[in-house]
Amino acid sequence: SATPRVEVGHTETARGGAYFVEDNGAGFDPAYASQLFKPFHRLHGPGEFEGLGMGLAGAHRVIERHGGEIWAEARQGAGAGFYFTLPA
């Protein structure tokens, strides 16, 4: 298996400047990306990864309350990227 990698930074996207967190982990099926930000919703089984399904839901709520946007991009088995914008 590959050495775990997490990268944090800022990039230009089609939606403008965005902050990001990317990894080279398990990833997910992009067809389910909209489900990631729902409370207690998990794309992986409880035995596969720790957590309750609240972290991304909380991030979504905070970002939207501040007028920003958050989204995810991934390929199953090839890592994931989480992006968010905040108004100036």
Protein backbone atom coordinates (compact mmCIF):
# COMPACT_ATOMS: atom_id res chain seq x y z
CA SER A 1 0.00 0.00 0.00
CA ALA A 2 1.07 3.60 -0.62
CA THR A 3 2.43 5.81 2.13
CA PRO A 4 -0.49 7.89 3.48
CA ARG A 5 -0.47 11.46 2.16
CA VAL A 6 -2.58 14.48 3.13
CA GLU A 7 -2.13 17.82 1.41
CA VAL A 8 -3.70 21.13 2.47
CA GLY A 9 -3.60 24.27 0.37
CA HIS A 10 -5.30 26.81 -1.86
CA THR A 11 -6.00 26.48 -5.57
CA GLU A 12 -7.99 28.04 -8.39
CA THR A 13 -11.09 26.08 -9.42
CA ALA A 14 -13.99 26.64 -11.82
CA ARG A 15 -15.78 28.13 -8.78
CA GLY A 16 -12.93 30.53 -7.99
CA GLY A 17 -10.23 30.34 -5.34
CA ALA A 18 -10.75 27.45 -2.93
CA TYR A 19 -9.03 25.88 0.03
CA PHE A 20 -8.54 22.12 -0.16
CA VAL A 21 -7.65 19.00 1.79
CA GLU A 22 -6.64 16.02 -0.38
CA ASP A 23 -5.50 12.53 0.48
CA ASN A 24 -4.50 9.31 -1.24
CA GLY A 25 -6.83 7.11 0.83
CA ALA A 26 -9.80 4.91 -0.03
CA GLY A 27 -11.70 7.60 -1.93
CA PHE A 28 -15.38 7.07 -2.75
CA ASP A 29 -17.71 6.65 -5.70
CA PRO A 30 -18.32 10.19 -7.09
CA ALA A 31 -21.97 9.29 -7.71
CA TYR A 32 -22.48 9.54 -3.94
CA ALA A 33 -20.59 12.82 -3.34
CA SER A 34 -23.76 14.73 -2.38
CA GLN A 35 -24.46 12.18 0.37
CA LEU A 36 -21.19 12.93 2.20
CA PHE A 37 -22.45 16.11 3.83
CA LYS A 38 -25.61 14.62 5.40
CA PRO A 39 -25.44 13.98 9.18
CA PHE A 40 -24.78 10.36 10.18
CA HIS A 41 -24.48 9.28 6.54
CA ARG A 42 -21.47 7.13 5.71
CA LEU A 43 -20.38 5.73 2.37
CA HIS A 44 -18.27 2.99 3.98
CA GLY A 45 -19.40 0.36 6.45
CA PRO A 46 -18.87 0.99 10.19
CA GLY A 47 -16.21 -1.72 10.34
CA GLU A 48 -14.13 -0.18 7.54
CA PHE A 49 -13.38 3.26 9.03
CA GLU A 50 -13.92 4.97 12.37
CA GLY A 51 -16.35 7.85 12.78
CA LEU A 52 -20.02 8.66 13.10
CA GLY A 53 -20.60 10.55 9.88
CA MET A 54 -20.70 13.99 11.51
CA GLY A 55 -17.40 15.64 10.54
CA LEU A 56 -18.27 16.61 6.97
CA ALA A 57 -21.85 17.50 7.94
CA GLY A 58 -20.47 19.93 10.54
CA ALA A 59 -17.97 21.41 8.08
CA HIS A 60 -20.78 21.86 5.53
CA ARG A 61 -22.93 23.72 8.04
CA VAL A 62 -20.13 26.07 9.12
CA ILE A 63 -18.99 26.85 5.56
CA GLU A 64 -22.55 27.56 4.36
CA ARG A 65 -23.34 29.76 7.37
CA HIS A 66 -20.36 31.90 6.40
CA GLY A 67 -21.57 32.21 2.81
CA GLY A 68 -19.19 29.66 1.32
CA GLU A 69 -19.47 26.45 -0.64
CA ILE A 70 -18.03 23.00 0.03
CA TRP A 71 -17.73 20.01 -2.30
CA ALA A 72 -15.84 16.77 -2.73
CA GLU A 73 -14.15 15.03 -5.63
CA ALA A 74 -12.80 11.48 -5.66
CA ARG A 75 -12.30 8.18 -7.36
CA GLN A 76 -12.90 4.97 -5.46
CA GLY A 77 -9.55 3.57 -4.35
CA ALA A 78 -7.65 6.69 -5.48
CA GLY A 79 -8.08 9.24 -2.69
CA ALA A 80 -10.37 12.22 -2.23
CA GLY A 81 -10.28 15.99 -2.27
CA PHE A 82 -12.50 18.31 -0.25
CA TYR A 83 -12.73 21.91 -1.40
CA PHE A 84 -14.34 24.99 0.12
CA THR A 85 -14.72 28.66 -0.59
CA LEU A 86 -15.33 31.56 1.78
CA PRO A 87 -16.31 35.08 0.75
CA ALA A 88 -13.69 37.79 1.20
